[in-house]
Every structure is written in C-alpha cells, then in structure tokens.
Amino acid sequence: MGRPARPGAPPGPPAGGGAQAERDSPGPAGTTAVTADLTDRAALAEAVAGSDAVVHLLLADGGWRAAETEPEAERVNVGVMRDLLDVLRPAAGDGTPPLVVYAGAASQVGVPPREPLDGSEPDHPETAYDRQKLTAEHLLLKATAEGRARGISLRLPTVFGEGAAPGTGDRGVVSAMVRRALTGLPLTMWHDGTVRRDLVHVSDVAAAFAAALDHPDALVGGHWLIGAGRGDALGDVFRLIARTVSDHTGRQPVAVESVEPPAHTPVTDFRSVTIDSSPFRAVTGWHPRTSLPEGLRRTVTALAGQESETR
C-alpha cells in the first residue's frame, strides 16, 4: 500500500493527526507521524496527498453529546468528510480512486428495531451525533457510487480500552466507570442494569480496520456492523469493573447503584444492543479476540497508571 494517511483526533484541537507510509514496498511500511488540524482544508489536503487509502477516525472534542449543543461538532463530524472527498485524488499514474475506511456507529440506526442488529435495518437516528455520522456515511457512499472514492463504513459498537498514544484516553462509559471506581466513587446506572451493550475492545476494533484494508473489494460501497455478539448487561459489566479495580488496588469494591437519569437522556440509552457481525466476518475472517475480563483488566491497569502519573 502506498502512502496510506490515517487522520486521527487527539485531545486538544478538534481534529488532527495522521500517519503516512514513506514508500510503496512489500511488507511492513515505514511511517511518519504528521500532526495537522484536519478542519483546515489545506492542511487536510497536504496530509492525505498521494494517499491510496485513508482511515477516517475522528470525533469532535466533547464526545458524541457535544453534537447536541456545539455547532462546531458538525464541522468535524461531517465537514471533514466533505472536504476529504473533495481533496482526495488518485496517486500519480494510478486511476484507481482512493480507499476510505470510515468509523461509523452502530447507533446510527436509532432505536434498535430488533436484536441482534445485522446492518440491514433502516436508519432512523435519534441523536444529533448519529444524524451527523449518517450524513458523513452517505457522503462517502455517494462519492463511491460516483467513482470518486472507494468507501467502506464500519459501524462500531460500544468500544472500550486503553489508549495507545501518550495523553489519549477513552471517554466511553467503561473508562468513565473505571475512573470513578479508581477514585472510590460508586458506579451509577440510569436503569436497573439489565440494559445490554455490545462491548468490543479497541484492539479488536483496530484489527477490524486492518481486515477491511486487506479485503476492500468485497466491502466497498456498503456499511458493515462490528460487534462481539454477546450483549453484556451493564449491571454485570459495572460489577465486574468494581471487582477488577478492587483486585488492582486492594480496596473493597465500590458500590453499583441505580439513579434517576438526567432529563436530556436519549431513549437509546435505555434500549439493549447486540450485533450480528457475521456478514463482515464472512468476508474478512475477523473476530474479536479480547475477552471482556481481559479487556477490563488492561483498561484498569492503564488508567490506574495514568492516575498515578498525575498525582
């Protein structure tokens, strides 16, 4: 693969980062880290110039809830995709459109109409974030139909795990609860704990993107659901977090409590989600390898280390 650019979203500016391979050669590619504000169209064009593959991994500061109240979130969640498709050009001497693998969200479907989801359901997004994610996905698939890109959307489940880069951290529910447990606070749920989520460790999600890059022809032009297929009850997950933190710290496990939800809570927070990713698995051979207990142990160890470094 020649010069793949993989924009990312580090903490700080709304969006930035990237990695480019130095030359087209077999085997593992050498890489050069490139930091850029990807909301700057010129910087984005320079970051992906000559790329034959782009992995689109962006999230506005403030996470998914920011889309409800912060207009600039749409610039990251939708605008960067629009600009990317405008500035991408085939590499010199190659008329093949660039491959773009996009990190979508399983929640784009809206209130789950059934369990498990398999990707064939109609989309009725409930939140501003999911509407923005769906808009970006539509832009990519439209460009694919027009021959301007080769787009693949991987709709992700509830991803959790330790950050790979210094200073980065997962802002999802699992890491939020691990941080609470490490500081001795109770873990709070907005329901009775029976609501289920399809939890996949970040290392397995990274492997799914690698699998998509290795099997593009059968995937281009569609969206594909990524999931473990378990449907873990959040009450059980939170109690496992409490025990895992207890094992790490030697303190008693913190309590797990049900509390009243805030008024702004979307209806999707109270609906269970499990995912059937067999279509993607059949094409790529991918499957998650990290068990929930092992993933939580790794997450606790990483976040506990971060806590000790800030003291």
C-alpha atoms as a PDB file:
ATOM      1  CA  MET A   1       0.000   0.000   0.000  1.00  0.00           C
ATOM      2  CA  GLY A   2       1.437   3.355  -0.984  1.00  0.00           C
ATOM      3  CA  ARG A   3       1.387   6.246   1.471  1.00  0.00           C
ATOM      4  CA  PRO A   4      -1.769   5.496   3.493  1.00  0.00           C
ATOM      5  CA  ALA A   5      -2.879   8.516   5.513  1.00  0.00           C
ATOM      6  CA  ARG A   6      -4.809   7.855   8.673  1.00  0.00           C
ATOM      7  CA  PRO A   7      -6.240  11.029  10.157  1.00  0.00           C
ATOM      8  CA  GLY A   8      -6.998  10.819  13.850  1.00  0.00           C
ATOM      9  CA  ALA A   9      -8.416  13.008  16.612  1.00  0.00           C
ATOM     10  CA  PRO A  10      -6.030  13.581  19.516  1.00  0.00           C
ATOM     11  CA  PRO A  11      -7.107  15.586  22.556  1.00  0.00           C
ATOM     12  CA  GLY A  12      -6.694  19.335  22.189  1.00  0.00           C
ATOM     13  CA  PRO A  13      -7.675  20.706  18.749  1.00  0.00           C
ATOM     14  CA  PRO A  14     -10.973  19.438  17.357  1.00  0.00           C
ATOM     15  CA  ALA A  15      -9.248  17.104  14.899  1.00  0.00           C
ATOM     16  CA  GLY A  16      -5.754  16.355  13.749  1.00  0.00           C
ATOM     17  CA  GLY A  17      -3.025  13.832  13.235  1.00  0.00           C
ATOM     18  CA  GLY A  18      -2.200  11.252  10.653  1.00  0.00           C
ATOM     19  CA  ALA A  19       0.384   8.735   9.563  1.00  0.00           C
ATOM     20  CA  GLN A  20       1.915   8.284   6.118  1.00  0.00           C
ATOM     21  CA  ALA A  21       3.956   5.383   4.753  1.00  0.00           C
ATOM     22  CA  GLU A  22       7.247   6.502   3.222  1.00  0.00           C
ATOM     23  CA  ARG A  23       7.322   4.335   0.093  1.00  0.00           C
ATOM     24  CA  ASP A  24       5.431   1.667  -1.805  1.00  0.00           C
ATOM     25  CA  SER A  25       7.084  -1.656  -0.949  1.00  0.00           C
ATOM     26  CA  PRO A  26       6.031  -5.098   0.247  1.00  0.00           C
ATOM     27  CA  GLY A  27       5.996  -5.891   3.920  1.00  0.00           C
ATOM     28  CA  PRO A  28       5.506  -3.557   6.893  1.00  0.00           C
ATOM     29  CA  ALA A  29       5.582   0.105   5.901  1.00  0.00           C
ATOM     30  CA  GLY A  30       7.712   2.752   7.479  1.00  0.00           C
ATOM     31  CA  THR A  31       5.592   5.568   8.872  1.00  0.00           C
ATOM     32  CA  THR A  32       5.948   9.247   9.605  1.00  0.00           C
ATOM     33  CA  ALA A  33       3.649  10.944  12.116  1.00  0.00           C
ATOM     34  CA  VAL A  34       2.011  14.083  10.728  1.00  0.00           C
ATOM     35  CA  THR A  35       0.074  16.414  13.014  1.00  0.00           C
ATOM     36  CA  ALA A  36      -2.494  18.688  11.384  1.00  0.00           C
ATOM     37  CA  ASP A  37      -5.767  20.472  12.056  1.00  0.00           C
ATOM     38  CA  LEU A  38      -7.954  18.483   9.700  1.00  0.00           C
ATOM     39  CA  THR A  39     -10.683  21.110   9.811  1.00  0.00           C
ATOM     40  CA  ASP A  40      -8.214  23.269   7.826  1.00  0.00           C
ATOM     41  CA  ARG A  41      -8.907  22.183   4.250  1.00  0.00           C
ATOM     42  CA  ALA A  42      -5.391  22.995   3.038  1.00  0.00           C
ATOM     43  CA  ALA A  43      -3.797  21.081   5.908  1.00  0.00           C
ATOM     44  CA  LEU A  44      -6.102  18.147   5.252  1.00  0.00           C
ATOM     45  CA  ALA A  45      -5.180  18.136   1.542  1.00  0.00           C
ATOM     46  CA  GLU A  46      -1.488  18.123   2.392  1.00  0.00           C
ATOM     47  CA  ALA A  47      -1.913  15.327   4.957  1.00  0.00           C
ATOM     48  CA  VAL A  48      -3.595  12.939   2.500  1.00  0.00           C
ATOM     49  CA  ALA A  49      -1.814  13.987  -0.705  1.00  0.00           C
ATOM     50  CA  GLY A  50      -0.928  10.951  -2.803  1.00  0.00           C
ATOM     51  CA  SER A  51      -2.674   8.514  -0.470  1.00  0.00           C
ATOM     52  CA  ASP A  52      -4.298   5.414  -1.831  1.00  0.00           C
ATOM     53  CA  ALA A  53      -6.004   4.617   1.474  1.00  0.00           C
ATOM     54  CA  VAL A  54      -7.373   6.744   4.306  1.00  0.00           C
ATOM     55  CA  VAL A  55      -8.745   5.519   7.622  1.00  0.00           C
ATOM     56  CA  HIS A  56     -11.191   8.154   8.891  1.00  0.00           C
ATOM     57  CA  LEU A  57     -11.185   8.190  12.715  1.00  0.00           C
ATOM     58  CA  LEU A  58     -12.500  11.492  14.008  1.00  0.00           C
ATOM     59  CA  LEU A  59     -14.525  12.670  16.977  1.00  0.00           C
ATOM     60  CA  ALA A  60     -15.187  16.262  17.975  1.00  0.00           C
ATOM     61  CA  ASP A  61     -13.999  17.424  21.368  1.00  0.00           C
ATOM     62  CA  GLY A  62     -16.665  16.718  23.959  1.00  0.00           C
ATOM     63  CA  GLY A  63     -17.615  13.346  22.520  1.00  0.00           C
ATOM     64  CA  TRP A  64     -20.926  12.410  20.959  1.00  0.00           C
ATOM     65  CA  ARG A  65     -23.018  14.567  23.288  1.00  0.00           C
ATOM     66  CA  ALA A  66     -21.270  17.710  22.020  1.00  0.00           C
ATOM     67  CA  ALA A  67     -23.177  17.402  18.761  1.00  0.00           C
ATOM     68  CA  GLU A  68     -26.371  18.365  20.589  1.00  0.00           C
ATOM     69  CA  THR A  69     -25.114  21.752  21.760  1.00  0.00           C
ATOM     70  CA  GLU A  70     -21.895  22.689  19.943  1.00  0.00           C
ATOM     71  CA  PRO A  71     -22.225  23.779  16.275  1.00  0.00           C
ATOM     72  CA  GLU A  72     -18.518  23.205  15.652  1.00  0.00           C
ATOM     73  CA  ALA A  73     -19.024  19.465  16.212  1.00  0.00           C
ATOM     74  CA  GLU A  74     -20.682  19.177  12.812  1.00  0.00           C
ATOM     75  CA  ARG A  75     -17.590  20.708  11.210  1.00  0.00           C
ATOM     76  CA  VAL A  76     -15.605  17.716  12.476  1.00  0.00           C
ATOM     77  CA  ASN A  77     -18.241  15.002  12.166  1.00  0.00           C
ATOM     78  CA  VAL A  78     -19.450  15.987   8.670  1.00  0.00           C
ATOM     79  CA  GLY A  79     -17.307  18.792   7.274  1.00  0.00           C
ATOM     80  CA  VAL A  80     -14.017  16.908   7.340  1.00  0.00           C
ATOM     81  CA  MET A  81     -15.542  14.057   5.337  1.00  0.00           C
ATOM     82  CA  ARG A  82     -16.923  16.500   2.770  1.00  0.00           C
ATOM     83  CA  ASP A  83     -13.518  18.182   2.436  1.00  0.00           C
ATOM     84  CA  LEU A  84     -11.686  14.859   2.350  1.00  0.00           C
ATOM     85  CA  LEU A  85     -13.735  13.612  -0.586  1.00  0.00           C
ATOM     86  CA  ASP A  86     -13.101  16.882  -2.419  1.00  0.00           C
ATOM     87  CA  VAL A  87      -9.316  16.883  -1.957  1.00  0.00           C
ATOM     88  CA  LEU A  88      -8.573  13.194  -2.451  1.00  0.00           C
ATOM     89  CA  ARG A  89      -7.046  12.350  -5.782  1.00  0.00           C
ATOM     90  CA  PRO A  90      -5.688   9.059  -7.149  1.00  0.00           C
ATOM     91  CA  ALA A  91      -1.933   8.632  -6.766  1.00  0.00           C
ATOM     92  CA  ALA A  92       0.198   9.617  -9.764  1.00  0.00           C
ATOM     93  CA  GLY A  93      -0.127   7.092 -12.591  1.00  0.00           C
ATOM     94  CA  ASP A  94      -2.987   5.303 -10.863  1.00  0.00           C
ATOM     95  CA  GLY A  95      -6.574   5.954 -11.857  1.00  0.00           C
ATOM     96  CA  THR A  96      -7.986   3.846  -9.016  1.00  0.00           C
ATOM     97  CA  PRO A  97      -9.975   6.012  -6.601  1.00  0.00           C
ATOM     98  CA  PRO A  98      -8.548   6.144  -3.057  1.00  0.00           C
ATOM     99  CA  LEU A  99      -9.925   3.741  -0.460  1.00  0.00           C
ATOM    100  CA  VAL A 100     -11.610   5.416   2.533  1.00  0.00           C
ATOM    101  CA  VAL A 101     -12.487   3.308   5.574  1.00  0.00           C
ATOM    102  CA  TYR A 102     -14.834   5.264   7.815  1.00  0.00           C
ATOM    103  CA  ALA A 103     -15.549   4.758  11.524  1.00  0.00           C
ATOM    104  CA  GLY A 104     -19.335   4.909  11.684  1.00  0.00           C
ATOM    105  CA  ALA A 105     -21.526   3.988  14.644  1.00  0.00           C
ATOM    106  CA  ALA A 106     -23.984   1.157  15.181  1.00  0.00           C
ATOM    107  CA  SER A 107     -26.207   3.733  16.906  1.00  0.00           C
ATOM    108  CA  GLN A 108     -26.858   5.405  13.523  1.00  0.00           C
ATOM    109  CA  VAL A 109     -29.795   3.000  13.216  1.00  0.00           C
ATOM    110  CA  GLY A 110     -31.583   4.832  16.064  1.00  0.00           C
ATOM    111  CA  VAL A 111     -33.797   2.885  18.447  1.00  0.00           C
ATOM    112  CA  PRO A 112     -32.844  -0.749  17.736  1.00  0.00           C
ATOM    113  CA  PRO A 113     -35.810  -2.328  15.940  1.00  0.00           C
ATOM    114  CA  ARG A 114     -34.660  -5.830  16.876  1.00  0.00           C
ATOM    115  CA  GLU A 115     -31.866  -7.890  18.366  1.00  0.00           C
ATOM    116  CA  PRO A 116     -29.377  -8.615  17.088  1.00  0.00           C
ATOM    117  CA  LEU A 117     -28.748  -5.890  14.540  1.00  0.00           C
ATOM    118  CA  ASP A 118     -27.171  -7.156  11.320  1.00  0.00           C
ATOM    119  CA  GLY A 119     -26.903  -3.970   9.237  1.00  0.00           C
ATOM    120  CA  SER A 120     -29.975  -4.492   7.079  1.00  0.00           C
ATOM    121  CA  GLU A 121     -32.234  -2.350   9.289  1.00  0.00           C
ATOM    122  CA  PRO A 122     -33.485   1.060   8.084  1.00  0.00           C
ATOM    123  CA  ASP A 123     -31.800   4.039   9.742  1.00  0.00           C
ATOM    124  CA  HIS A 124     -33.776   6.423  11.956  1.00  0.00           C
ATOM    125  CA  PRO A 125     -31.086   8.181  14.019  1.00  0.00           C
ATOM    126  CA  GLU A 126     -32.286   9.640  17.320  1.00  0.00           C
ATOM    127  CA  THR A 127     -29.427  11.985  18.253  1.00  0.00           C
ATOM    128  CA  ALA A 128     -27.645  14.859  16.518  1.00  0.00           C
ATOM    129  CA  TYR A 129     -24.416  12.883  16.642  1.00  0.00           C
ATOM    130  CA  ASP A 130     -25.929   9.880  14.879  1.00  0.00           C
ATOM    131  CA  ARG A 131     -27.542  12.116  12.263  1.00  0.00           C
ATOM    132  CA  GLN A 132     -24.154  13.684  11.593  1.00  0.00           C
ATOM    133  CA  LYS A 133     -22.451  10.286  11.394  1.00  0.00           C
ATOM    134  CA  LEU A 134     -25.103   9.068   8.966  1.00  0.00           C
ATOM    135  CA  THR A 135     -24.700  12.200   6.818  1.00  0.00           C
ATOM    136  CA  ALA A 136     -20.933  11.640   6.592  1.00  0.00           C
ATOM    137  CA  GLU A 137     -21.503   7.995   5.682  1.00  0.00           C
ATOM    138  CA  HIS A 138     -23.965   8.993   2.952  1.00  0.00           C
ATOM    139  CA  LEU A 139     -21.413  11.464   1.540  1.00  0.00           C
ATOM    140  CA  LEU A 140     -18.818   8.699   1.379  1.00  0.00           C
ATOM    141  CA  LEU A 141     -21.107   6.147  -0.249  1.00  0.00           C
ATOM    142  CA  LYS A 142     -22.379   8.744  -2.743  1.00  0.00           C
ATOM    143  CA  ALA A 143     -18.788   9.546  -3.734  1.00  0.00           C
ATOM    144  CA  THR A 144     -18.218   5.801  -4.102  1.00  0.00           C
ATOM    145  CA  ALA A 145     -21.201   5.443  -6.430  1.00  0.00           C
ATOM    146  CA  GLU A 146     -19.853   8.342  -8.500  1.00  0.00           C
ATOM    147  CA  GLY A 147     -16.398   6.762  -8.773  1.00  0.00           C
ATOM    148  CA  ARG A 148     -14.602   9.453  -6.735  1.00  0.00           C
ATOM    149  CA  ALA A 149     -13.655   7.161  -3.839  1.00  0.00           C
ATOM    150  CA  ARG A 150     -13.922   3.575  -2.702  1.00  0.00           C
ATOM    151  CA  GLY A 151     -15.760   3.876   0.577  1.00  0.00           C
ATOM    152  CA  ILE A 152     -16.295   1.368   3.383  1.00  0.00           C
ATOM    153  CA  SER A 153     -18.171   2.240   6.567  1.00  0.00           C
ATOM    154  CA  LEU A 154     -17.528   0.143   9.663  1.00  0.00           C
ATOM    155  CA  ARG A 155     -20.321   0.832  12.142  1.00  0.00           C
ATOM    156  CA  LEU A 156     -18.758   0.405  15.551  1.00  0.00           C
ATOM    157  CA  PRO A 157     -20.356  -0.884  18.765  1.00  0.00           C
ATOM    158  CA  THR A 158     -19.500   0.343  22.280  1.00  0.00           C
ATOM    159  CA  VAL A 159     -15.703   0.455  22.075  1.00  0.00           C
ATOM    160  CA  PHE A 160     -13.596   0.409  25.232  1.00  0.00           C
ATOM    161  CA  GLY A 161      -9.974   0.036  26.218  1.00  0.00           C
ATOM    162  CA  GLU A 162      -6.677   1.705  26.904  1.00  0.00           C
ATOM    163  CA  GLY A 163      -5.306   4.453  24.681  1.00  0.00           C
ATOM    164  CA  ALA A 164      -2.243   3.615  22.591  1.00  0.00           C
ATOM    165  CA  ALA A 165      -0.779   7.119  22.369  1.00  0.00           C
ATOM    166  CA  PRO A 166       0.510   9.124  25.352  1.00  0.00           C
ATOM    167  CA  GLY A 167      -2.051  11.593  26.640  1.00  0.00           C
ATOM    168  CA  THR A 168      -5.007   9.937  24.943  1.00  0.00           C
ATOM    169  CA  GLY A 169      -7.865   8.345  26.784  1.00  0.00           C
ATOM    170  CA  ASP A 170     -11.132   6.651  26.024  1.00  0.00           C
ATOM    171  CA  ARG A 171     -14.120   8.806  27.004  1.00  0.00           C
ATOM    172  CA  GLY A 172     -16.658   5.995  26.789  1.00  0.00           C
ATOM    173  CA  VAL A 173     -18.824   4.568  29.536  1.00  0.00           C
ATOM    174  CA  VAL A 174     -16.435   1.763  30.505  1.00  0.00           C
ATOM    175  CA  SER A 175     -13.444   4.035  31.069  1.00  0.00           C
ATOM    176  CA  ALA A 176     -15.647   6.600  32.830  1.00  0.00           C
ATOM    177  CA  MET A 177     -16.735   3.939  35.309  1.00  0.00           C
ATOM    178  CA  VAL A 178     -13.189   2.648  35.774  1.00  0.00           C
ATOM    179  CA  ARG A 179     -12.057   6.175  36.635  1.00  0.00           C
ATOM    180  CA  ARG A 180     -14.894   6.509  39.165  1.00  0.00           C
ATOM    181  CA  ALA A 181     -14.004   3.201  40.771  1.00  0.00           C
ATOM    182  CA  LEU A 182     -10.318   4.148  40.984  1.00  0.00           C
ATOM    183  CA  THR A 183     -11.275   7.277  42.939  1.00  0.00           C
ATOM    184  CA  GLY A 184     -13.616   5.315  45.230  1.00  0.00           C
ATOM    185  CA  LEU A 185     -16.882   6.653  43.825  1.00  0.00           C
ATOM    186  CA  PRO A 186     -19.949   4.420  43.315  1.00  0.00           C
ATOM    187  CA  LEU A 187     -20.802   3.336  39.782  1.00  0.00           C
ATOM    188  CA  THR A 188     -24.184   4.736  38.784  1.00  0.00           C
ATOM    189  CA  MET A 189     -26.671   3.394  36.239  1.00  0.00           C
ATOM    190  CA  TRP A 190     -29.689   5.158  34.740  1.00  0.00           C
ATOM    191  CA  HIS A 191     -31.647   1.889  34.728  1.00  0.00           C
ATOM    192  CA  ASP A 192     -31.828  -1.427  36.569  1.00  0.00           C
ATOM    193  CA  GLY A 193     -28.674  -2.827  34.988  1.00  0.00           C
ATOM    194  CA  THR A 194     -30.336  -5.210  32.560  1.00  0.00           C
ATOM    195  CA  VAL A 195     -29.756  -2.940  29.536  1.00  0.00           C
ATOM    196  CA  ARG A 196     -27.162  -4.637  27.315  1.00  0.00           C
ATOM    197  CA  ARG A 197     -24.350  -3.253  25.182  1.00  0.00           C
ATOM    198  CA  ASP A 198     -22.131  -4.984  22.634  1.00  0.00           C
ATOM    199  CA  LEU A 199     -18.682  -4.243  24.041  1.00  0.00           C
ATOM    200  CA  VAL A 200     -15.569  -4.668  21.879  1.00  0.00           C
ATOM    201  CA  HIS A 201     -12.018  -3.920  22.966  1.00  0.00           C
ATOM    202  CA  VAL A 202     -10.187  -1.250  20.988  1.00  0.00           C
ATOM    203  CA  SER A 203      -7.503  -3.709  19.874  1.00  0.00           C
ATOM    204  CA  ASP A 204     -10.166  -5.822  18.174  1.00  0.00           C
ATOM    205  CA  VAL A 205     -11.654  -2.725  16.531  1.00  0.00           C
ATOM    206  CA  ALA A 206      -8.193  -1.832  15.193  1.00  0.00           C
ATOM    207  CA  ALA A 207      -7.942  -5.371  13.815  1.00  0.00           C
ATOM    208  CA  ALA A 208     -11.307  -4.881  12.069  1.00  0.00           C
ATOM    209  CA  PHE A 209      -9.970  -1.813  10.247  1.00  0.00           C
ATOM    210  CA  ALA A 210      -6.860  -3.734   9.236  1.00  0.00           C
ATOM    211  CA  ALA A 211      -9.081  -6.548   7.951  1.00  0.00           C
ATOM    212  CA  ALA A 212     -11.116  -4.057   5.907  1.00  0.00           C
ATOM    213  CA  LEU A 213      -7.931  -2.673   4.354  1.00  0.00           C
ATOM    214  CA  ASP A 214      -6.923  -6.228   3.447  1.00  0.00           C
ATOM    215  CA  HIS A 215     -10.309  -7.149   1.884  1.00  0.00           C
ATOM    216  CA  PRO A 216     -11.600  -3.942   0.278  1.00  0.00           C
ATOM    217  CA  ASP A 217     -13.137  -5.248  -2.931  1.00  0.00           C
ATOM    218  CA  ALA A 218     -15.940  -7.193  -1.243  1.00  0.00           C
ATOM    219  CA  LEU A 219     -16.663  -4.378   1.237  1.00  0.00           C
ATOM    220  CA  VAL A 220     -16.601  -1.192  -0.867  1.00  0.00           C
ATOM    221  CA  GLY A 221     -19.919   0.596  -1.183  1.00  0.00           C
ATOM    222  CA  GLY A 222     -21.561  -0.682   1.978  1.00  0.00           C
ATOM    223  CA  HIS A 223     -21.761  -0.351   5.742  1.00  0.00           C
ATOM    224  CA  TRP A 224     -20.756  -3.255   7.956  1.00  0.00           C
ATOM    225  CA  LEU A 225     -21.505  -3.834  11.626  1.00  0.00           C
ATOM    226  CA  ILE A 226     -18.679  -4.692  14.013  1.00  0.00           C
ATOM    227  CA  GLY A 227     -19.532  -6.443  17.271  1.00  0.00           C
ATOM    228  CA  ALA A 228     -18.807  -9.246  19.697  1.00  0.00           C
ATOM    229  CA  GLY A 229     -22.376 -10.535  19.588  1.00  0.00           C
ATOM    230  CA  ARG A 230     -22.599 -11.022  23.365  1.00  0.00           C
ATOM    231  CA  GLY A 231     -24.840  -8.227  24.578  1.00  0.00           C
ATOM    232  CA  ASP A 232     -23.304  -7.658  28.035  1.00  0.00           C
ATOM    233  CA  ALA A 233     -25.724  -6.450  30.739  1.00  0.00           C
ATOM    234  CA  LEU A 234     -24.348  -3.155  32.039  1.00  0.00           C
ATOM    235  CA  GLY A 235     -25.077  -4.037  35.654  1.00  0.00           C
ATOM    236  CA  ASP A 236     -22.859  -7.098  35.306  1.00  0.00           C
ATOM    237  CA  VAL A 237     -20.220  -5.060  33.484  1.00  0.00           C
ATOM    238  CA  PHE A 238     -20.148  -2.391  36.190  1.00  0.00           C
ATOM    239  CA  ARG A 239     -19.862  -5.002  38.960  1.00  0.00           C
ATOM    240  CA  LEU A 240     -17.004  -6.637  37.057  1.00  0.00           C
ATOM    241  CA  ILE A 241     -15.330  -3.215  36.800  1.00  0.00           C
ATOM    242  CA  ALA A 242     -15.706  -2.756  40.559  1.00  0.00           C
ATOM    243  CA  ARG A 243     -14.131  -6.172  41.240  1.00  0.00           C
ATOM    244  CA  THR A 244     -11.326  -5.643  38.726  1.00  0.00           C
ATOM    245  CA  VAL A 245     -10.426  -2.282  40.266  1.00  0.00           C
ATOM    246  CA  SER A 246     -10.606  -3.890  43.707  1.00  0.00           C
ATOM    247  CA  ASP A 247      -8.183  -6.608  42.608  1.00  0.00           C
ATOM    248  CA  HIS A 248      -5.819  -3.952  41.285  1.00  0.00           C
ATOM    249  CA  THR A 249      -5.936  -1.603  44.276  1.00  0.00           C
ATOM    250  CA  GLY A 250      -6.560  -3.990  47.156  1.00  0.00           C
ATOM    251  CA  ARG A 251      -9.518  -1.882  48.293  1.00  0.00           C
ATOM    252  CA  GLN A 252     -13.090  -3.046  48.718  1.00  0.00           C
ATOM    253  CA  PRO A 253     -15.180  -2.951  45.506  1.00  0.00           C
ATOM    254  CA  VAL A 254     -17.163   0.243  45.108  1.00  0.00           C
ATOM    255  CA  ALA A 255     -20.957   0.081  45.088  1.00  0.00           C
ATOM    256  CA  VAL A 256     -23.020  -0.171  41.907  1.00  0.00           C
ATOM    257  CA  GLU A 257     -26.212   1.896  42.175  1.00  0.00           C
ATOM    258  CA  SER A 258     -29.272   2.791  40.110  1.00  0.00           C
ATOM    259  CA  VAL A 259     -30.018   6.527  39.976  1.00  0.00           C
ATOM    260  CA  GLU A 260     -32.535   8.764  38.247  1.00  0.00           C
ATOM    261  CA  PRO A 261     -31.465   9.653  34.693  1.00  0.00           C
ATOM    262  CA  PRO A 262     -30.976  13.289  33.681  1.00  0.00           C
ATOM    263  CA  ALA A 263     -33.749  14.907  31.654  1.00  0.00           C
ATOM    264  CA  HIS A 264     -31.650  15.047  28.463  1.00  0.00           C
ATOM    265  CA  THR A 265     -31.040  11.287  28.315  1.00  0.00           C
ATOM    266  CA  PRO A 266     -31.911   9.895  24.840  1.00  0.00           C
ATOM    267  CA  VAL A 267     -34.262   6.924  24.589  1.00  0.00           C
ATOM    268  CA  THR A 268     -31.476   4.841  23.056  1.00  0.00           C
ATOM    269  CA  ASP A 269     -29.689   4.791  26.437  1.00  0.00           C
ATOM    270  CA  PHE A 270     -32.465   2.530  27.723  1.00  0.00           C
ATOM    271  CA  ARG A 271     -32.541   0.066  24.816  1.00  0.00           C
ATOM    272  CA  SER A 272     -30.346  -3.006  24.555  1.00  0.00           C
ATOM    273  CA  VAL A 273     -27.992  -3.519  21.615  1.00  0.00           C
ATOM    274  CA  THR A 274     -26.417  -6.728  20.372  1.00  0.00           C
ATOM    275  CA  ILE A 275     -24.765  -7.026  16.996  1.00  0.00           C
ATOM    276  CA  ASP A 276     -24.528  -9.783  14.440  1.00  0.00           C
ATOM    277  CA  SER A 277     -21.295  -9.066  12.559  1.00  0.00           C
ATOM    278  CA  SER A 278     -21.336 -12.339  10.612  1.00  0.00           C
ATOM    279  CA  PRO A 279     -21.503 -10.561   7.192  1.00  0.00           C
ATOM    280  CA  PHE A 280     -18.215  -8.758   7.920  1.00  0.00           C
ATOM    281  CA  ARG A 281     -16.671 -11.866   9.468  1.00  0.00           C
ATOM    282  CA  ALA A 282     -17.571 -13.968   6.431  1.00  0.00           C
ATOM    283  CA  VAL A 283     -15.731 -11.567   4.108  1.00  0.00           C
ATOM    284  CA  THR A 284     -12.659 -10.868   6.230  1.00  0.00           C
ATOM    285  CA  GLY A 285     -12.277 -13.698   8.748  1.00  0.00           C
ATOM    286  CA  TRP A 286     -12.202 -11.113  11.544  1.00  0.00           C
ATOM    287  CA  HIS A 287     -13.464 -11.925  15.012  1.00  0.00           C
ATOM    288  CA  PRO A 288     -12.858 -10.313  18.412  1.00  0.00           C
ATOM    289  CA  ARG A 289     -10.099 -11.977  20.424  1.00  0.00           C
ATOM    290  CA  THR A 290     -10.050  -9.975  23.676  1.00  0.00           C
ATOM    291  CA  SER A 291     -12.455 -11.228  26.334  1.00  0.00           C
ATOM    292  CA  LEU A 292     -14.374  -8.747  28.452  1.00  0.00           C
ATOM    293  CA  PRO A 293     -12.496  -9.634  31.689  1.00  0.00           C
ATOM    294  CA  GLU A 294      -9.105  -9.336  29.955  1.00  0.00           C
ATOM    295  CA  GLY A 295     -10.073  -6.085  28.252  1.00  0.00           C
ATOM    296  CA  LEU A 296     -11.242  -4.620  31.554  1.00  0.00           C
ATOM    297  CA  ARG A 297      -8.065  -5.735  33.316  1.00  0.00           C
ATOM    298  CA  ARG A 298      -5.948  -3.993  30.686  1.00  0.00           C
ATOM    299  CA  THR A 299      -8.109  -0.867  30.855  1.00  0.00           C
ATOM    300  CA  VAL A 300      -7.916  -0.701  34.654  1.00  0.00           C
ATOM    301  CA  THR A 301      -4.135  -1.173  34.605  1.00  0.00           C
ATOM    302  CA  ALA A 302      -3.677   1.592  32.028  1.00  0.00           C
ATOM    303  CA  LEU A 303      -5.997   4.091  33.697  1.00  0.00           C
ATOM    304  CA  ALA A 304      -4.576   3.392  37.142  1.00  0.00           C
ATOM    305  CA  GLY A 305      -1.131   4.176  35.724  1.00  0.00           C
ATOM    306  CA  GLN A 306      -2.415   7.447  34.304  1.00  0.00           C
ATOM    307  CA  GLU A 307      -3.960   8.359  37.668  1.00  0.00           C
ATOM    308  CA  SER A 308      -0.668   7.751  39.485  1.00  0.00           C
ATOM    309  CA  GLU A 309       1.263   9.871  36.970  1.00  0.00           C
ATOM    310  CA  THR A 310      -0.997  12.895  37.564  1.00  0.00           C
ATOM    311  CA  ARG A 311      -0.597  12.863  41.340  1.00  0.00           C
END
